[in-house]
C-alpha atoms as a PDB file:
ATOM      1  CA  MET A   1     -75.976-166.427  59.225  1.00  0.00           C
ATOM      2  CA  SER A   2     -77.510-165.330  62.512  1.00  0.00           C
ATOM      3  CA  VAL A   3     -75.038-164.743  65.350  1.00  0.00           C
ATOM      4  CA  THR A   4     -76.148-164.358  68.949  1.00  0.00           C
ATOM      5  CA  GLU A   5     -73.795-162.811  71.486  1.00  0.00           C
ATOM      6  CA  LEU A   6     -74.311-163.712  75.138  1.00  0.00           C
ATOM      7  CA  TYR A   7     -72.406-161.818  77.831  1.00  0.00           C
ATOM      8  CA  LEU A   8     -72.590-163.047  81.421  1.00  0.00           C
ATOM      9  CA  VAL A   9     -71.431-160.649  84.131  1.00  0.00           C
ATOM     10  CA  ARG A  10     -71.036-161.816  87.701  1.00  0.00           C
ATOM     11  CA  HIS A  11     -72.311-159.315  90.260  1.00  0.00           C
ATOM     12  CA  ALA A  12     -69.865-157.171  92.252  1.00  0.00           C
ATOM     13  CA  GLN A  13     -68.719-158.146  95.744  1.00  0.00           C
ATOM     14  CA  ALA A  14     -71.758-158.581  97.976  1.00  0.00           C
ATOM     15  CA  VAL A  15     -72.121-158.283 101.729  1.00  0.00           C
ATOM     16  CA  ILE A  16     -72.921-161.992 101.877  1.00  0.00           C
ATOM     17  CA  ASN A  17     -69.612-162.806 100.149  1.00  0.00           C
ATOM     18  CA  VAL A  18     -67.862-161.313 103.186  1.00  0.00           C
ATOM     19  CA  THR A  19     -70.190-162.286 106.030  1.00  0.00           C
ATOM     20  CA  GLY A  20     -70.966-165.856 104.961  1.00  0.00           C
ATOM     21  CA  VAL A  21     -74.751-165.677 104.990  1.00  0.00           C
ATOM     22  CA  MET A  22     -77.076-167.914 102.993  1.00  0.00           C
ATOM     23  CA  ALA A  23     -78.446-165.365 100.604  1.00  0.00           C
ATOM     24  CA  GLY A  24     -81.770-165.661  98.910  1.00  0.00           C
ATOM     25  CA  PRO A  25     -84.109-162.657  98.647  1.00  0.00           C
ATOM     26  CA  LYS A  26     -84.091-162.173 102.435  1.00  0.00           C
ATOM     27  CA  GLY A  27     -80.429-162.754 103.211  1.00  0.00           C
ATOM     28  CA  ASP A  28     -79.069-160.699 100.317  1.00  0.00           C
ATOM     29  CA  THR A  29     -78.441-157.112 101.480  1.00  0.00           C
ATOM     30  CA  GLY A  30     -76.674-155.853  98.363  1.00  0.00           C
ATOM     31  CA  LEU A  31     -73.115-154.784  97.668  1.00  0.00           C
ATOM     32  CA  THR A  32     -70.196-153.883  99.912  1.00  0.00           C
ATOM     33  CA  GLU A  33     -68.372-150.580  99.477  1.00  0.00           C
ATOM     34  CA  LEU A  34     -65.730-152.479  97.502  1.00  0.00           C
ATOM     35  CA  GLY A  35     -68.485-154.021  95.402  1.00  0.00           C
ATOM     36  CA  ILE A  36     -69.849-150.592  94.551  1.00  0.00           C
ATOM     37  CA  ARG A  37     -66.370-149.495  93.449  1.00  0.00           C
ATOM     38  CA  GLN A  38     -66.010-152.657  91.363  1.00  0.00           C
ATOM     39  CA  ALA A  39     -69.285-151.993  89.553  1.00  0.00           C
ATOM     40  CA  GLU A  40     -68.310-148.362  89.021  1.00  0.00           C
ATOM     41  CA  ALA A  41     -64.984-149.513  87.584  1.00  0.00           C
ATOM     42  CA  LEU A  42     -66.783-151.814  85.158  1.00  0.00           C
ATOM     43  CA  ARG A  43     -69.079-148.967  84.155  1.00  0.00           C
ATOM     44  CA  ALA A  44     -66.062-146.712  83.523  1.00  0.00           C
ATOM     45  CA  ARG A  45     -64.432-149.430  81.433  1.00  0.00           C
ATOM     46  CA  LEU A  46     -67.546-149.920  79.319  1.00  0.00           C
ATOM     47  CA  GLU A  47     -67.934-146.172  78.852  1.00  0.00           C
ATOM     48  CA  GLU A  48     -64.315-145.837  77.752  1.00  0.00           C
ATOM     49  CA  THR A  49     -64.106-148.834  75.437  1.00  0.00           C
ATOM     50  CA  GLY A  50     -67.644-149.029  74.064  1.00  0.00           C
ATOM     51  CA  GLU A  51     -67.001-152.780  73.803  1.00  0.00           C
ATOM     52  CA  LEU A  52     -70.466-153.844  74.873  1.00  0.00           C
ATOM     53  CA  LYS A  53     -73.599-152.523  73.173  1.00  0.00           C
ATOM     54  CA  PRO A  54     -76.384-154.877  74.217  1.00  0.00           C
ATOM     55  CA  ASP A  55     -79.780-155.052  72.593  1.00  0.00           C
ATOM     56  CA  ILE A  56     -81.122-156.939  75.617  1.00  0.00           C
ATOM     57  CA  PHE A  57     -80.129-156.237  79.234  1.00  0.00           C
ATOM     58  CA  LEU A  58     -81.312-158.738  81.846  1.00  0.00           C
ATOM     59  CA  THR A  59     -80.448-159.171  85.501  1.00  0.00           C
ATOM     60  CA  SER A  60     -81.068-161.619  88.284  1.00  0.00           C
ATOM     61  CA  SER A  61     -83.669-160.229  90.666  1.00  0.00           C
ATOM     62  CA  LEU A  62     -81.485-160.779  93.747  1.00  0.00           C
ATOM     63  CA  PRO A  63     -80.296-157.464  95.247  1.00  0.00           C
ATOM     64  CA  ARG A  64     -76.565-157.984  94.659  1.00  0.00           C
ATOM     65  CA  ALA A  65     -77.089-158.509  90.933  1.00  0.00           C
ATOM     66  CA  ARG A  66     -79.798-155.890  90.617  1.00  0.00           C
ATOM     67  CA  GLN A  67     -77.606-153.238  92.247  1.00  0.00           C
ATOM     68  CA  THR A  68     -74.685-154.145  89.981  1.00  0.00           C
ATOM     69  CA  ALA A  69     -76.928-153.784  86.932  1.00  0.00           C
ATOM     70  CA  GLU A  70     -78.156-150.392  88.112  1.00  0.00           C
ATOM     71  CA  LEU A  71     -74.605-149.137  88.538  1.00  0.00           C
ATOM     72  CA  ILE A  72     -73.419-150.167  85.060  1.00  0.00           C
ATOM     73  CA  ALA A  73     -76.621-149.182  83.228  1.00  0.00           C
ATOM     74  CA  PRO A  74     -75.484-145.605  82.389  1.00  0.00           C
ATOM     75  CA  ALA A  75     -72.662-147.036  80.260  1.00  0.00           C
ATOM     76  CA  LEU A  76     -75.105-149.132  78.254  1.00  0.00           C
ATOM     77  CA  GLY A  77     -77.933-146.731  77.560  1.00  0.00           C
ATOM     78  CA  LEU A  78     -80.425-149.355  78.752  1.00  0.00           C
ATOM     79  CA  GLN A  79     -82.283-150.195  81.919  1.00  0.00           C
ATOM     80  CA  SER A  80     -82.206-153.826  82.948  1.00  0.00           C
ATOM     81  CA  THR A  81     -85.173-156.194  83.048  1.00  0.00           C
ATOM     82  CA  LEU A  82     -85.476-158.546  86.026  1.00  0.00           C
ATOM     83  CA  ASP A  83     -85.356-162.287  85.377  1.00  0.00           C
ATOM     84  CA  ASP A  84     -85.884-164.524  88.415  1.00  0.00           C
ATOM     85  CA  ASP A  85     -84.438-167.526  86.597  1.00  0.00           C
ATOM     86  CA  LEU A  86     -80.983-165.897  86.544  1.00  0.00           C
ATOM     87  CA  GLN A  87     -80.757-166.211  90.329  1.00  0.00           C
ATOM     88  CA  GLU A  88     -78.013-168.126  92.100  1.00  0.00           C
ATOM     89  CA  PHE A  89     -78.542-171.629  93.517  1.00  0.00           C
ATOM     90  CA  ARG A  90     -81.688-171.382  95.644  1.00  0.00           C
ATOM     91  CA  THR A  91     -81.816-172.343  99.281  1.00  0.00           C
ATOM     92  CA  GLY A  92     -85.159-172.870 100.977  1.00  0.00           C
ATOM     93  CA  PRO A  93     -87.057-170.196 102.934  1.00  0.00           C
ATOM     94  CA  ASP A  94     -85.946-171.542 106.321  1.00  0.00           C
ATOM     95  CA  ALA A  95     -82.282-171.291 105.326  1.00  0.00           C
ATOM     96  CA  ASP A  96     -82.421-167.871 103.671  1.00  0.00           C
ATOM     97  CA  GLY A  97     -80.556-165.369 105.844  1.00  0.00           C
ATOM     98  CA  LEU A  98     -78.879-167.899 108.148  1.00  0.00           C
ATOM     99  CA  ALA A  99     -75.209-167.544 108.985  1.00  0.00           C
ATOM    100  CA  LEU A 100     -73.192-170.369 107.459  1.00  0.00           C
ATOM    101  CA  GLU A 101     -72.391-172.059 110.766  1.00  0.00           C
ATOM    102  CA  GLU A 102     -76.032-171.961 111.862  1.00  0.00           C
ATOM    103  CA  TYR A 103     -77.052-173.371 108.500  1.00  0.00           C
ATOM    104  CA  LYS A 104     -74.625-176.285 108.895  1.00  0.00           C
ATOM    105  CA  ALA A 105     -75.853-176.948 112.428  1.00  0.00           C
ATOM    106  CA  ARG A 106     -79.495-177.078 111.320  1.00  0.00           C
ATOM    107  CA  PHE A 107     -79.273-178.760 107.924  1.00  0.00           C
ATOM    108  CA  GLY A 108     -75.821-180.288 107.647  1.00  0.00           C
ATOM    109  CA  TRP A 109     -73.610-179.857 104.596  1.00  0.00           C
ATOM    110  CA  LEU A 110     -74.418-181.836 101.473  1.00  0.00           C
ATOM    111  CA  ASN A 111     -71.610-183.104  99.266  1.00  0.00           C
ATOM    112  CA  PHE A 112     -72.840-182.499  95.720  1.00  0.00           C
ATOM    113  CA  GLU A 113     -70.312-184.919  94.252  1.00  0.00           C
ATOM    114  CA  GLU A 114     -71.736-187.731  96.362  1.00  0.00           C
ATOM    115  CA  ASP A 115     -75.387-186.721  96.044  1.00  0.00           C
ATOM    116  CA  PRO A 116     -76.339-184.258  93.275  1.00  0.00           C
ATOM    117  CA  PHE A 117     -80.061-185.080  93.489  1.00  0.00           C
ATOM    118  CA  THR A 118     -81.020-184.251  97.097  1.00  0.00           C
ATOM    119  CA  GLU A 119     -82.164-180.754  98.043  1.00  0.00           C
ATOM    120  CA  THR A 120     -79.734-179.061 100.419  1.00  0.00           C
ATOM    121  CA  ASP A 121     -82.480-177.970 102.835  1.00  0.00           C
ATOM    122  CA  PRO A 122     -86.301-177.968 102.767  1.00  0.00           C
ATOM    123  CA  GLY A 123     -87.543-176.156  99.676  1.00  0.00           C
ATOM    124  CA  ALA A 124     -84.086-175.738  98.193  1.00  0.00           C
ATOM    125  CA  GLU A 125     -82.749-176.904  94.842  1.00  0.00           C
ATOM    126  CA  SER A 126     -80.561-179.915  94.365  1.00  0.00           C
ATOM    127  CA  TRP A 127     -77.363-179.453  92.387  1.00  0.00           C
ATOM    128  CA  ALA A 128     -78.904-181.294  89.423  1.00  0.00           C
ATOM    129  CA  LEU A 129     -82.060-179.150  89.459  1.00  0.00           C
ATOM    130  CA  PHE A 130     -79.958-175.987  89.549  1.00  0.00           C
ATOM    131  CA  GLN A 131     -78.010-177.137  86.491  1.00  0.00           C
ATOM    132  CA  LEU A 132     -81.303-177.866  84.730  1.00  0.00           C
ATOM    133  CA  ARG A 133     -82.600-174.379  85.556  1.00  0.00           C
ATOM    134  CA  VAL A 134     -79.452-172.765  84.184  1.00  0.00           C
ATOM    135  CA  ALA A 135     -79.721-174.768  80.952  1.00  0.00           C
ATOM    136  CA  ARG A 136     -83.424-174.029  80.498  1.00  0.00           C
ATOM    137  CA  THR A 137     -82.964-170.343  81.282  1.00  0.00           C
ATOM    138  CA  LEU A 138     -80.091-169.788  78.860  1.00  0.00           C
ATOM    139  CA  THR A 139     -81.933-171.739  76.158  1.00  0.00           C
ATOM    140  CA  ARG A 140     -85.036-169.608  76.648  1.00  0.00           C
ATOM    141  CA  ILE A 141     -83.152-166.320  76.626  1.00  0.00           C
ATOM    142  CA  VAL A 142     -81.198-167.155  73.484  1.00  0.00           C
ATOM    143  CA  ARG A 143     -84.293-168.413  71.647  1.00  0.00           C
ATOM    144  CA  GLU A 144     -86.280-165.318  72.551  1.00  0.00           C
ATOM    145  CA  HIS A 145     -83.485-162.979  71.452  1.00  0.00           C
ATOM    146  CA  LYS A 146     -81.848-164.856  68.585  1.00  0.00           C
ATOM    147  CA  GLY A 147     -79.413-162.716  66.608  1.00  0.00           C
ATOM    148  CA  LYS A 148     -79.178-160.110  69.377  1.00  0.00           C
ATOM    149  CA  VAL A 149     -76.448-158.990  71.760  1.00  0.00           C
ATOM    150  CA  ILE A 150     -77.591-160.100  75.210  1.00  0.00           C
ATOM    151  CA  LEU A 151     -76.131-159.025  78.541  1.00  0.00           C
ATOM    152  CA  CYS A 152     -77.089-160.859  81.742  1.00  0.00           C
ATOM    153  CA  VAL A 153     -75.928-159.737  85.183  1.00  0.00           C
ATOM    154  CA  THR A 154     -76.028-162.914  87.198  1.00  0.00           C
ATOM    155  CA  HIS A 155     -74.068-165.096  89.636  1.00  0.00           C
ATOM    156  CA  GLY A 156     -70.999-167.288  89.728  1.00  0.00           C
ATOM    157  CA  GLY A 157     -73.068-170.454  89.821  1.00  0.00           C
ATOM    158  CA  VAL A 158     -74.915-169.486  86.654  1.00  0.00           C
ATOM    159  CA  VAL A 159     -71.674-168.637  84.858  1.00  0.00           C
ATOM    160  CA  ASP A 160     -70.222-171.984  85.964  1.00  0.00           C
ATOM    161  CA  GLY A 161     -73.409-173.743  84.845  1.00  0.00           C
ATOM    162  CA  SER A 162     -73.116-172.210  81.390  1.00  0.00           C
ATOM    163  CA  PHE A 163     -69.879-174.149  80.880  1.00  0.00           C
ATOM    164  CA  GLY A 164     -71.503-177.428  81.775  1.00  0.00           C
ATOM    165  CA  TYR A 165     -74.408-176.763  79.447  1.00  0.00           C
ATOM    166  CA  PHE A 166     -72.607-175.363  76.414  1.00  0.00           C
ATOM    167  CA  PHE A 167     -69.801-177.942  76.589  1.00  0.00           C
ATOM    168  CA  GLY A 168     -72.356-180.738  76.925  1.00  0.00           C
ATOM    169  CA  LEU A 169     -71.100-182.088  80.251  1.00  0.00           C
ATOM    170  CA  ASN A 170     -73.147-184.578  82.254  1.00  0.00           C
ATOM    171  CA  PRO A 171     -75.610-182.438  84.268  1.00  0.00           C
ATOM    172  CA  HIS A 172     -75.905-185.158  86.915  1.00  0.00           C
ATOM    173  CA  ILE A 173     -72.222-185.256  87.840  1.00  0.00           C
ATOM    174  CA  PRO A 174     -70.481-182.168  89.264  1.00  0.00           C
ATOM    175  CA  PRO A 175     -67.351-181.518  87.166  1.00  0.00           C
ATOM    176  CA  ARG A 176     -63.923-182.116  88.643  1.00  0.00           C
ATOM    177  CA  VAL A 177     -62.735-178.796  87.259  1.00  0.00           C
ATOM    178  CA  ARG A 178     -63.436-175.883  89.602  1.00  0.00           C
ATOM    179  CA  LEU A 179     -64.004-172.438  88.131  1.00  0.00           C
ATOM    180  CA  HIS A 180     -63.436-169.239  90.094  1.00  0.00           C
ATOM    181  CA  THR A 181     -65.506-166.500  88.501  1.00  0.00           C
ATOM    182  CA  GLU A 182     -64.399-163.064  89.683  1.00  0.00           C
ATOM    183  CA  ASN A 183     -66.764-160.308  90.760  1.00  0.00           C
ATOM    184  CA  THR A 184     -67.786-158.052  87.830  1.00  0.00           C
ATOM    185  CA  SER A 185     -65.949-160.306  85.388  1.00  0.00           C
ATOM    186  CA  VAL A 186     -67.336-160.698  81.888  1.00  0.00           C
ATOM    187  CA  THR A 187     -67.751-164.040  80.132  1.00  0.00           C
ATOM    188  CA  ARG A 188     -68.634-163.958  76.445  1.00  0.00           C
ATOM    189  CA  TRP A 189     -70.320-166.741  74.473  1.00  0.00           C
ATOM    190  CA  GLN A 190     -71.186-166.679  70.788  1.00  0.00           C
ATOM    191  CA  HIS A 191     -73.776-168.833  69.040  1.00  0.00           C
ATOM    192  CA  SER A 192     -73.962-169.464  65.297  1.00  0.00           C
ATOM    193  CA  GLU A 193     -74.795-172.423  63.063  1.00  0.00           C
ATOM    194  CA  GLU A 194     -76.110-174.385  66.058  1.00  0.00           C
ATOM    195  CA  ARG A 195     -72.741-174.254  67.834  1.00  0.00           C
ATOM    196  CA  TRP A 196     -71.483-172.370  70.866  1.00  0.00           C
ATOM    197  CA  ARG A 197     -68.055-170.782  71.050  1.00  0.00           C
ATOM    198  CA  LEU A 198     -66.387-169.436  74.181  1.00  0.00           C
ATOM    199  CA  VAL A 199     -64.833-166.104  73.225  1.00  0.00           C
ATOM    200  CA  TYR A 200     -63.420-165.312  76.665  1.00  0.00           C
ATOM    201  CA  TYR A 201     -63.964-166.047  80.344  1.00  0.00           C
ATOM    202  CA  ASN A 202     -63.431-164.136  83.593  1.00  0.00           C
ATOM    203  CA  ASP A 203     -62.382-160.841  81.990  1.00  0.00           C
ATOM    204  CA  ALA A 204     -62.316-158.644  85.096  1.00  0.00           C
END
Protein backbone atom coordinates (compact mmCIF):
# COMPACT_ATOMS: atom_id res chain seq x y z
CA MET A 1 0.00 0.00 0.00
CA SER A 2 1.42 3.34 -1.07
CA VAL A 3 1.22 6.12 1.53
CA THR A 4 1.83 9.75 0.67
CA GLU A 5 2.58 12.24 3.43
CA LEU A 6 1.79 15.89 2.76
CA TYR A 7 3.01 18.55 5.20
CA LEU A 8 1.81 22.13 4.76
CA VAL A 9 3.72 24.83 6.62
CA ARG A 10 2.41 28.37 6.75
CA HIS A 11 5.12 31.00 6.31
CA ALA A 12 6.43 32.95 9.32
CA GLN A 13 5.10 36.39 10.22
CA ALA A 14 5.50 38.71 7.24
CA VAL A 15 5.81 42.47 7.07
CA ILE A 16 2.49 42.60 5.24
CA ASN A 17 0.80 40.76 8.14
CA VAL A 18 1.66 43.77 10.32
CA THR A 19 1.34 46.66 7.88
CA GLY A 20 -1.84 45.57 6.09
CA VAL A 21 -0.59 45.71 2.51
CA MET A 22 -2.02 43.76 -0.40
CA ALA A 23 0.86 41.44 -1.05
CA GLY A 24 1.56 39.85 -4.36
CA PRO A 25 5.12 39.69 -5.74
CA LYS A 26 5.50 43.48 -5.49
CA GLY A 27 3.88 44.14 -2.13
CA ASP A 28 5.52 41.24 -0.31
CA THR A 29 8.75 42.43 1.34
CA GLY A 30 9.51 39.28 3.32
CA LEU A 31 9.53 38.49 7.02
CA THR A 32 9.52 40.66 10.13
CA GLU A 33 12.17 40.21 12.81
CA LEU A 34 9.63 38.14 14.75
CA GLY A 35 8.99 36.10 11.62
CA ILE A 36 12.68 35.33 11.27
CA ARG A 37 12.76 34.14 14.89
CA GLN A 38 9.67 32.01 14.28
CA ALA A 39 11.28 30.30 11.29
CA GLU A 40 14.49 29.79 13.25
CA ALA A 41 12.47 28.24 16.07
CA LEU A 42 10.83 25.84 13.63
CA ARG A 43 14.23 24.94 12.22
CA ALA A 44 15.55 24.25 15.74
CA ARG A 45 12.52 22.08 16.47
CA LEU A 46 12.98 20.05 13.30
CA GLU A 47 16.70 19.64 13.99
CA GLU A 48 16.00 18.44 17.52
CA THR A 49 13.12 16.08 16.81
CA GLY A 50 13.98 14.81 13.33
CA GLU A 51 10.20 14.48 12.86
CA LEU A 52 10.15 15.64 9.27
CA LYS A 53 12.35 14.05 6.60
CA PRO A 54 10.87 15.15 3.29
CA ASP A 55 11.71 13.62 -0.06
CA ILE A 56 10.22 16.66 -1.81
CA PHE A 57 10.53 20.25 -0.57
CA LEU A 58 8.42 22.87 -2.35
CA THR A 59 7.68 26.49 -1.56
CA SER A 60 5.46 29.26 -2.79
CA SER A 61 7.48 31.73 -4.82
CA LEU A 62 6.27 34.74 -2.81
CA PRO A 63 9.07 36.25 -0.68
CA ARG A 64 7.52 35.54 2.72
CA ALA A 65 7.24 31.83 1.98
CA ARG A 66 10.53 31.62 0.13
CA GLN A 67 12.41 33.22 3.03
CA THR A 68 10.76 30.86 5.51
CA ALA A 69 11.81 27.88 3.39
CA GLU A 70 15.38 29.14 3.21
CA LEU A 71 15.56 29.48 6.99
CA ILE A 72 14.31 25.96 7.74
CA ALA A 73 16.20 24.23 4.91
CA PRO A 74 19.32 23.41 7.01
CA ALA A 75 17.19 21.18 9.25
CA LEU A 76 15.92 19.22 6.26
CA GLY A 77 19.05 18.64 4.22
CA LEU A 78 17.22 19.87 1.11
CA GLN A 79 16.88 23.08 -0.83
CA SER A 80 13.36 24.06 -1.77
CA THR A 81 11.94 24.21 -5.29
CA LEU A 82 9.71 27.17 -6.18
CA ASP A 83 6.10 26.47 -7.16
CA ASP A 84 4.05 29.49 -8.23
CA ASP A 85 0.80 27.59 -7.75
CA LEU A 86 1.37 27.46 -3.97
CA GLN A 87 0.93 31.23 -3.75
CA GLU A 88 -1.73 32.90 -1.63
CA PHE A 89 -4.96 34.28 -3.11
CA ARG A 90 -3.87 36.50 -6.00
CA THR A 91 -4.83 40.13 -6.30
CA GLY A 92 -4.42 41.92 -9.62
CA PRO A 93 -1.35 43.96 -10.62
CA ASP A 94 -3.03 47.30 -9.86
CA ALA A 95 -3.82 46.20 -6.30
CA ASP A 96 -0.47 44.59 -5.49
CA GLY A 97 1.35 46.74 -2.94
CA LEU A 98 -1.60 48.96 -2.00
CA ALA A 99 -2.33 49.70 1.64
CA LEU A 100 -5.58 48.08 2.72
CA GLU A 101 -7.50 51.34 3.09
CA GLU A 102 -6.38 52.54 -0.35
CA TYR A 103 -7.37 49.19 -1.81
CA LYS A 104 -10.87 49.48 -0.31
CA ALA A 105 -11.22 53.03 -1.59
CA ARG A 106 -10.28 52.03 -5.14
CA PHE A 107 -11.89 48.61 -5.49
CA GLY A 108 -14.33 48.21 -2.63
CA TRP A 109 -14.49 45.10 -0.47
CA LEU A 110 -16.09 41.98 -1.89
CA ASN A 111 -18.06 39.68 0.39
CA PHE A 112 -17.06 36.18 -0.70
CA GLU A 113 -20.07 34.60 0.99
CA GLU A 114 -22.40 36.72 -1.13
CA ASP A 115 -20.38 36.52 -4.35
CA PRO A 116 -17.69 33.81 -4.62
CA PHE A 117 -17.42 34.12 -8.41
CA THR A 118 -16.42 37.77 -9.01
CA GLU A 119 -12.76 38.79 -9.08
CA THR A 120 -11.89 41.12 -6.21
CA ASP A 121 -10.11 43.63 -8.47
CA PRO A 122 -9.01 43.67 -12.13
CA GLY A 123 -6.85 40.64 -12.87
CA ALA A 124 -7.41 39.07 -9.48
CA GLU A 125 -8.84 35.66 -8.61
CA SER A 126 -12.34 35.08 -7.39
CA TRP A 127 -12.77 33.02 -4.25
CA ALA A 128 -14.03 30.08 -6.32
CA LEU A 129 -11.08 30.23 -8.73
CA PHE A 130 -8.65 30.30 -5.81
CA GLN A 131 -10.25 27.17 -4.35
CA LEU A 132 -9.97 25.50 -7.75
CA ARG A 133 -6.27 26.41 -7.98
CA VAL A 134 -5.60 24.97 -4.53
CA ALA A 135 -7.37 21.72 -5.44
CA ARG A 136 -5.60 21.38 -8.79
CA THR A 137 -2.21 22.20 -7.27
CA LEU A 138 -2.45 19.70 -4.42
CA THR A 139 -3.74 17.03 -6.81
CA ARG A 140 -0.82 17.64 -9.16
CA ILE A 141 1.79 17.60 -6.42
CA VAL A 142 0.50 14.40 -4.86
CA ARG A 143 0.22 12.63 -8.23
CA GLU A 144 3.73 13.64 -9.22
CA HIS A 145 5.20 12.49 -5.90
CA LYS A 146 2.99 9.55 -4.94
CA GLY A 147 4.38 7.53 -2.05
CA LYS A 148 6.76 10.32 -1.01
CA VAL A 149 7.00 12.64 1.99
CA ILE A 150 6.19 16.11 0.66
CA LEU A 151 6.73 19.41 2.45
CA CYS A 152 5.18 22.61 1.08
CA VAL A 153 5.85 26.03 2.60
CA THR A 154 2.80 28.01 1.64
CA HIS A 155 0.10 30.36 2.96
CA GLY A 156 -2.88 30.33 5.27
CA GLY A 157 -5.33 30.44 2.38
CA VAL A 158 -3.81 27.34 0.81
CA VAL A 159 -3.88 25.46 4.12
CA ASP A 160 -7.53 26.48 4.58
CA GLY A 161 -8.28 25.44 0.99
CA SER A 162 -6.82 21.99 1.63
CA PHE A 163 -9.59 21.36 4.16
CA GLY A 164 -12.29 22.26 1.69
CA TYR A 165 -10.77 20.03 -0.96
CA PHE A 166 -9.88 16.96 1.09
CA PHE A 167 -13.16 17.02 3.04
CA GLY A 168 -15.11 17.40 -0.20
CA LEU A 169 -16.84 20.67 0.70
CA ASN A 170 -18.68 22.70 -1.92
CA PRO A 171 -15.97 24.81 -3.62
CA HIS A 172 -18.54 27.43 -4.62
CA ILE A 173 -19.71 28.24 -1.10
CA PRO A 174 -17.28 29.66 1.49
CA PRO A 175 -17.51 27.48 4.62
CA ARG A 176 -19.09 28.84 7.77
CA VAL A 177 -16.22 27.47 9.83
CA ARG A 178 -13.28 29.87 10.05
CA LEU A 179 -9.79 28.46 10.45
CA HIS A 180 -6.92 30.45 11.96
CA THR A 181 -3.68 28.95 10.73
CA GLU A 182 -0.72 30.14 12.80
CA ASN A 183 2.57 31.33 11.35
CA THR A 184 5.08 28.46 10.95
CA SER A 185 2.45 25.93 12.00
CA VAL A 186 2.54 22.47 10.47
CA THR A 187 -0.50 20.68 9.07
CA ARG A 188 -0.09 17.03 8.16
CA TRP A 189 -2.24 15.07 5.70
CA GLN A 190 -1.85 11.41 4.80
CA HIS A 191 -3.14 9.71 1.66
CA SER A 192 -3.61 5.97 1.21
CA GLU A 193 -6.16 3.72 -0.49
CA GLU A 194 -7.73 6.73 -2.24
CA ARG A 195 -8.60 8.41 1.07
CA TRP A 196 -7.22 11.43 2.89
CA ARG A 197 -6.68 11.53 6.63
CA LEU A 198 -5.94 14.63 8.69
CA VAL A 199 -3.17 13.67 11.11
CA TYR A 200 -2.89 17.07 12.77
CA TYR A 201 -3.51 20.76 12.13
CA ASN A 202 -1.90 24.01 13.27
CA ASP A 203 0.99 22.42 15.18
CA ALA A 204 3.01 25.56 15.95
